[in-house]
Protein backbone atom coordinates (compact mmCIF):
# COMPACT_ATOMS: atom_id res chain seq x y z
CA MET A 1 20.69 -5.55 -10.33
CA PRO A 2 18.89 -7.57 -7.18
CA VAL A 3 22.05 -9.72 -6.10
CA LEU A 4 21.85 -12.47 -3.30
CA ASN A 5 25.52 -13.94 -2.77
CA GLU A 6 26.80 -13.59 -6.32
CA ALA A 7 30.14 -13.08 -5.78
CA GLU A 8 30.77 -15.42 -8.96
CA GLY A 9 28.48 -14.13 -11.39
CA ILE A 10 28.38 -10.03 -9.98
CA GLY A 11 31.68 -9.26 -11.77
CA PRO A 12 31.06 -10.98 -15.45
CA THR A 13 27.63 -9.36 -15.54
CA ILE A 14 28.59 -5.66 -14.45
CA GLU A 15 31.47 -5.85 -17.18
CA GLU A 16 28.94 -7.24 -19.99
CA LEU A 17 26.88 -4.38 -19.18
CA MET A 18 29.29 -1.66 -19.02
CA SER A 19 30.87 -3.39 -22.86
CA VAL A 20 27.27 -2.62 -24.25
CA GLY A 21 27.64 0.87 -23.36
CA ILE A 22 25.61 0.92 -20.17
CA ALA A 23 27.75 3.44 -17.61
CA ALA A 24 28.94 2.34 -14.53
CA ASP A 25 27.21 5.10 -12.64
CA ASN A 26 23.86 3.83 -13.98
CA ILE A 27 24.22 0.70 -12.63
CA VAL A 28 22.73 -0.21 -9.49
CA VAL A 29 23.08 -3.42 -7.42
CA VAL A 30 21.20 -4.00 -4.75
CA ASP A 31 22.38 -6.60 -1.89
CA GLY A 32 19.85 -8.84 -0.07
CA GLY A 33 22.46 -9.38 2.61
CA SER A 34 24.74 -11.50 1.21
CA THR A 35 27.65 -12.69 2.80
CA ASP A 36 30.07 -14.04 0.34
CA GLY A 37 31.79 -10.68 -0.70
CA THR A 38 29.09 -9.78 -3.26
CA PRO A 39 28.46 -6.01 -2.86
CA ASP A 40 32.57 -5.48 -2.66
CA ALA A 41 32.95 -7.29 -6.36
CA ALA A 42 30.37 -4.69 -7.06
CA ARG A 43 31.76 -1.34 -5.85
CA ARG A 44 35.53 -2.50 -7.18
CA LEU A 45 34.09 -1.91 -10.83
CA GLY A 46 32.49 1.52 -9.90
CA VAL A 47 28.84 0.72 -9.12
CA LEU A 48 26.59 1.66 -6.87
CA VAL A 49 25.86 -0.77 -4.43
CA VAL A 50 22.74 -0.18 -2.06
CA ARG A 51 21.70 -1.98 0.64
CA GLN A 52 17.98 -3.79 0.42
CA ARG A 53 15.12 -2.91 2.72
CA GLY A 54 12.86 -6.11 3.21
CA LYS A 55 13.74 -9.37 1.59
CA GLY A 56 12.83 -10.40 -1.74
CA LYS A 57 13.72 -9.89 -5.35
CA ALA A 58 10.65 -7.61 -5.45
CA ASP A 59 11.96 -5.67 -2.64
CA ALA A 60 15.25 -5.51 -3.71
CA ILE A 61 13.82 -4.14 -7.46
CA LYS A 62 11.70 -1.57 -5.88
CA GLU A 63 14.58 -0.75 -3.39
CA GLY A 64 16.80 -0.36 -6.77
CA LEU A 65 14.09 1.73 -8.22
CA LYS A 66 14.18 4.81 -5.73
CA TYR A 67 17.90 5.68 -7.61
CA ILE A 68 16.87 5.54 -10.90
CA LYS A 69 16.92 8.54 -13.22
CA THR A 70 16.86 7.15 -16.67
CA PRO A 71 13.28 6.62 -18.20
CA TYR A 72 14.07 3.00 -18.82
CA VAL A 73 15.16 0.70 -16.39
CA VAL A 74 16.85 -3.08 -17.23
CA VAL A 75 16.77 -5.71 -14.78
CA ILE A 76 19.02 -8.47 -14.99
CA ASP A 77 19.43 -11.14 -12.55
CA GLY A 78 23.58 -10.99 -11.29
CA ASP A 79 24.57 -14.72 -12.02
CA ASN A 80 25.76 -13.99 -15.70
CA THR A 81 22.65 -16.22 -17.07
CA TYR A 82 21.62 -13.38 -19.34
CA PRO A 83 23.86 -12.23 -22.06
CA ALA A 84 23.69 -8.29 -21.71
CA ASN A 85 24.51 -7.71 -25.08
CA TYR A 86 20.86 -8.35 -26.63
CA ILE A 87 20.19 -5.22 -24.20
CA PRO A 88 20.51 -2.55 -27.23
CA ASN A 89 17.94 -4.80 -29.83
CA MET A 90 15.55 -5.02 -27.08
CA TYR A 91 16.06 -1.07 -26.33
CA LYS A 92 15.35 -0.75 -30.26
CA PHE A 93 12.87 -2.97 -30.10
CA MET A 94 10.96 -1.28 -27.75
CA LEU A 95 11.06 1.84 -29.61
CA GLU A 96 10.02 0.52 -32.71
CA GLU A 97 6.81 -1.02 -31.72
CA GLY A 98 5.81 1.04 -29.02
CA HIS A 99 6.12 -1.45 -26.22
CA ASP A 100 6.06 -0.64 -22.38
CA GLU A 101 8.16 -3.95 -21.55
CA VAL A 102 10.12 -6.21 -23.65
CA ILE A 103 11.29 -9.44 -21.87
CA GLY A 104 14.26 -11.51 -23.30
CA VAL A 105 12.73 -14.95 -23.92
CA ARG A 106 14.92 -17.69 -22.85
CA PRO A 107 15.82 -20.53 -25.33
CA ALA A 108 13.56 -23.76 -23.79
CA SER A 109 17.02 -25.82 -24.62
CA LYS A 110 19.18 -24.37 -22.62
CA GLN A 111 17.23 -24.62 -19.14
CA PRO A 112 16.99 -27.82 -16.96
CA LEU A 113 13.73 -29.98 -18.26
CA VAL A 114 12.20 -29.37 -14.58
CA TYR A 115 12.33 -25.64 -15.06
CA ARG A 116 11.84 -25.58 -18.57
CA VAL A 117 8.37 -27.71 -18.03
CA GLY A 118 7.64 -25.42 -15.25
CA ASN A 119 8.65 -22.40 -16.69
CA ARG A 120 6.01 -23.45 -19.77
CA ALA A 121 3.31 -24.29 -17.37
CA LEU A 122 3.53 -21.24 -15.14
CA THR A 123 3.37 -18.63 -18.47
CA MET A 124 0.57 -20.72 -20.22
CA PHE A 125 -1.59 -20.24 -16.92
CA PHE A 126 -0.57 -16.51 -17.19
CA ASP A 127 -1.79 -16.30 -20.39
CA ALA A 128 -5.17 -18.08 -19.83
CA LEU A 129 -5.50 -15.20 -16.65
CA PHE A 130 -4.73 -12.40 -18.31
CA GLY A 131 -5.15 -12.89 -21.97
CA THR A 132 -1.89 -12.67 -23.08
CA HIS A 133 0.33 -14.75 -25.66
CA LEU A 134 3.05 -14.17 -23.97
CA ARG A 135 6.06 -17.20 -23.84
CA ASP A 136 8.47 -16.33 -20.75
CA VAL A 137 7.04 -14.35 -18.38
CA LEU A 138 9.54 -15.54 -15.74
CA SER A 139 12.75 -14.37 -17.38
CA GLY A 140 14.88 -12.39 -15.20
CA LEU A 141 16.28 -10.19 -17.85
CA TYR A 142 13.62 -7.40 -19.36
CA LEU A 143 13.34 -3.61 -19.97
CA ILE A 144 10.37 -1.55 -18.77
CA ARG A 145 9.73 2.14 -19.06
CA THR A 146 10.55 3.61 -15.66
CA GLU A 147 7.02 5.62 -15.47
CA VAL A 148 5.40 2.17 -15.89
CA LEU A 149 7.69 0.46 -12.95
CA ARG A 150 7.11 3.04 -10.59
CA GLY A 151 3.43 2.33 -10.80
CA VAL A 152 3.62 -1.18 -9.69
CA SER A 153 2.87 -1.98 -5.82
CA PHE A 154 5.11 -5.07 -5.33
CA GLU A 155 2.64 -7.10 -3.48
CA MET A 156 3.97 -10.10 -4.57
CA LYS A 157 7.30 -11.40 -3.20
CA GLY A 158 10.22 -13.43 -4.32
CA PHE A 159 10.18 -14.83 -7.90
CA SER A 160 6.75 -13.66 -8.48
CA VAL A 161 7.99 -10.09 -8.94
CA GLU A 162 8.21 -10.64 -12.72
CA SER A 163 4.46 -11.80 -13.51
CA GLU A 164 3.59 -9.01 -11.35
CA ILE A 165 5.16 -6.53 -13.24
CA ALA A 166 3.52 -7.73 -16.48
CA ALA A 167 0.14 -8.12 -14.89
CA HIS A 168 0.28 -4.43 -13.90
CA VAL A 169 1.63 -3.53 -17.64
CA ILE A 170 -1.42 -4.87 -19.25
CA SER A 171 -3.94 -4.37 -16.86
CA THR A 172 -3.17 -0.46 -17.16
CA GLY A 173 -3.57 -0.81 -21.10
CA GLY A 174 0.02 -1.40 -21.66
CA SER A 175 2.11 -3.33 -24.10
CA VAL A 176 4.46 -6.12 -23.49
CA GLY A 177 6.82 -7.14 -26.28
CA GLU A 178 8.91 -10.49 -26.64
CA VAL A 179 12.97 -10.80 -28.21
CA ASP A 180 14.84 -14.31 -28.23
CA ILE A 181 17.86 -14.03 -26.28
CA ASP A 182 20.63 -16.36 -25.45
CA TYR A 183 21.14 -18.22 -21.77
CA ARG A 184 23.70 -19.41 -19.73
CA ARG A 185 24.48 -21.66 -17.32
CA ARG A 186 24.59 -19.59 -13.73
CA LEU A 187 27.21 -18.87 -11.69
CA GLY A 188 27.27 -20.17 -8.39
CA ARG A 189 24.37 -21.41 -5.53
CA LYS A 190 21.12 -21.47 -7.80
CA LYS A 191 18.22 -20.59 -5.66
CA LEU A 192 15.09 -20.85 -7.22
CA ARG A 193 13.63 -24.22 -6.53
CA PRO A 194 11.20 -26.66 -8.45
CA TRP A 195 8.73 -26.01 -5.17
CA HIS A 196 9.08 -22.23 -5.76
CA GLY A 197 6.33 -22.88 -8.63
CA LEU A 198 3.64 -23.57 -6.55
CA ARG A 199 4.45 -20.02 -4.77
CA ILE A 200 4.10 -18.59 -8.08
CA ALA A 201 1.07 -19.86 -9.68
CA MET A 202 -0.95 -18.91 -6.00
CA ASP A 203 0.82 -15.30 -6.79
CA MET A 204 -0.78 -15.17 -9.96
CA LEU A 205 -4.28 -16.67 -9.14
CA ARG A 206 -3.56 -13.55 -6.42
CA LEU A 207 -2.76 -11.28 -9.43
CA SER A 208 -6.05 -12.14 -11.10
CA TRP A 209 -7.83 -11.57 -7.89
CA ARG A 210 -6.65 -7.66 -8.05
CA TYR A 211 -6.80 -7.24 -11.45
CA ASN A 212 -9.81 -9.19 -12.41
CA PRO A 213 -11.42 -10.34 -9.36
CA THR A 214 -14.99 -10.96 -11.16
CA SER A 215 -13.75 -13.94 -13.35
CA THR A 216 -11.44 -14.89 -10.46
CA LEU A 217 -14.72 -15.81 -8.16
CA PHE A 218 -16.92 -17.20 -10.87
CA LEU A 219 -13.62 -19.80 -12.13
CA ALA A 220 -13.78 -20.45 -8.51
CA GLY A 221 -17.64 -20.83 -8.33
CA GLY A 222 -17.20 -23.40 -11.06
CA LEU A 223 -15.40 -25.60 -8.76
CA LEU A 224 -18.99 -26.89 -7.62
CA MET A 225 -19.53 -29.33 -11.00
CA ILE A 226 -16.98 -31.41 -9.40
CA PRO A 227 -18.25 -32.22 -6.07
CA GLY A 228 -21.69 -31.80 -7.88
CA LEU A 229 -20.53 -34.75 -10.84
CA ILE A 230 -19.16 -36.98 -8.02
CA VAL A 231 -22.56 -37.03 -6.14
CA GLY A 232 -24.35 -37.53 -9.12
CA GLY A 233 -22.00 -40.36 -10.57
CA ILE A 234 -22.44 -42.25 -7.52
CA THR A 235 -26.41 -41.19 -7.73
CA ALA A 236 -26.34 -42.63 -10.71
CA TYR A 237 -24.51 -46.01 -9.91
CA GLN A 238 -26.74 -46.74 -7.20
CA PHE A 239 -29.94 -46.10 -9.41
CA TYR A 240 -29.48 -48.29 -12.60
CA VAL A 241 -26.75 -51.00 -10.62
CA LEU A 242 -28.12 -51.56 -7.51
CA HIS A 243 -31.50 -50.22 -8.09
CA VAL A 244 -31.68 -47.73 -5.00
CA ASP A 245 -33.51 -44.47 -5.30
CA HIS A 246 -32.05 -41.51 -4.13
CA PHE A 247 -34.02 -38.84 -5.39
CA VAL A 248 -32.75 -36.05 -2.96
CA ASN A 249 -29.14 -36.97 -3.22
CA ALA A 250 -29.75 -36.43 -7.47
CA ILE A 251 -31.64 -32.91 -7.31
CA MET A 252 -29.11 -32.07 -5.15
CA ALA A 253 -26.43 -33.12 -7.70
CA LEU A 254 -27.98 -31.39 -10.45
CA ILE A 255 -28.30 -28.30 -8.69
CA VAL A 256 -25.26 -28.14 -7.47
CA THR A 257 -23.41 -28.99 -10.80
CA ALA A 258 -25.71 -26.45 -12.64
CA THR A 259 -24.59 -23.83 -10.55
CA GLY A 260 -20.90 -24.63 -10.92
CA PHE A 261 -21.76 -24.58 -14.74
CA ASN A 262 -23.19 -21.26 -14.88
CA SER A 263 -20.71 -19.99 -12.49
CA LEU A 264 -17.70 -21.09 -15.22
CA LEU A 265 -19.50 -19.75 -17.95
CA LEU A 266 -19.94 -16.37 -16.02
CA GLY A 267 -16.11 -16.67 -15.58
CA LEU A 268 -15.04 -17.14 -18.97
CA LEU A 269 -17.54 -14.38 -19.91
CA SER A 270 -16.18 -11.71 -17.63
CA MET A 271 -12.50 -12.79 -18.64
CA TYR A 272 -13.09 -11.90 -22.26
CA LEU A 273 -14.94 -8.58 -21.10
CA LYS A 274 -11.82 -8.11 -19.00
CA ARG A 275 -9.60 -8.36 -21.95
CA MET A 276 -11.71 -6.02 -24.12
CA GLU A 277 -11.03 -3.99 -21.69
CA PHE A 278 -7.41 -3.84 -21.38
CA ARG A 279 -7.17 -3.86 -25.26
CA LEU A 280 -9.55 -0.62 -25.57
CA LEU A 281 -7.56 0.80 -22.80
CA LYS A 282 -4.17 0.26 -25.40
CA LEU A 283 -6.01 1.31 -28.24
CA LEU A 284 -6.51 4.59 -26.10
CA ARG A 285 -2.97 5.06 -25.03
CA SER A 286 -1.85 4.38 -28.62
CA ARG A 287 -4.04 7.24 -29.83
CA PRO A 288 -2.03 10.81 -30.59
CA ARG A 289 -3.36 13.49 -28.21
CA GLN A 290 -4.45 16.64 -29.10
């Protein structure tokens, strides 16, 4: 449980975790330097509290992973927004379906409009980059196999860590499932701001570059179509309306547009080839070992 100044929500969150059968000595609270008494509130309930090295949610999860001895890990925010009673269902679903990660999907109706739209847009962006069909990749409640989580590099800091974990699972042939959950109003001050969405989107692009650089490079090359079409449109207007000839500009616009279009097609082809690779890895992992 990564926390920073969550004195209001930490107690109810821990108590709810213990109410579903999670022992106190299996709960690790990683504190990022709280000044409101969050660590003391957690210690009073008998859980392990450790001080985070580094800064941000990714470093908190990385630090907490050092103390995990169980084969599965639940990551949950400490603001009491995620009901812990869904964890047993997530665990059962993981075992039945053979997933490596199970994400708790928040109902859109329980989120403020700006966050609802932003979360949906970012999830769709992630789906487009990695060929998935997820509904809430940025959820703060998820269950994951410990062995898989230890393989994550934690290069993305802050609120992008959930997308990095999901990208790692998918890109190594793993499987990500989702379970619908409820969602409550947080206790305490909200830290995620709308402008953080831009940083998350940029980090998703960085993740796509890491796991599928060829596709990202070609798709970036497809942006050449924009100046090519602009120059071509201006040249066409001058030719047909003003009767001014700019053959050099026309040739340059045609070359740039064609280059961008070819790059876009190659990027899409590379993306689908990468998706095929993900599916093949998943198929190979699912085959019984002899």
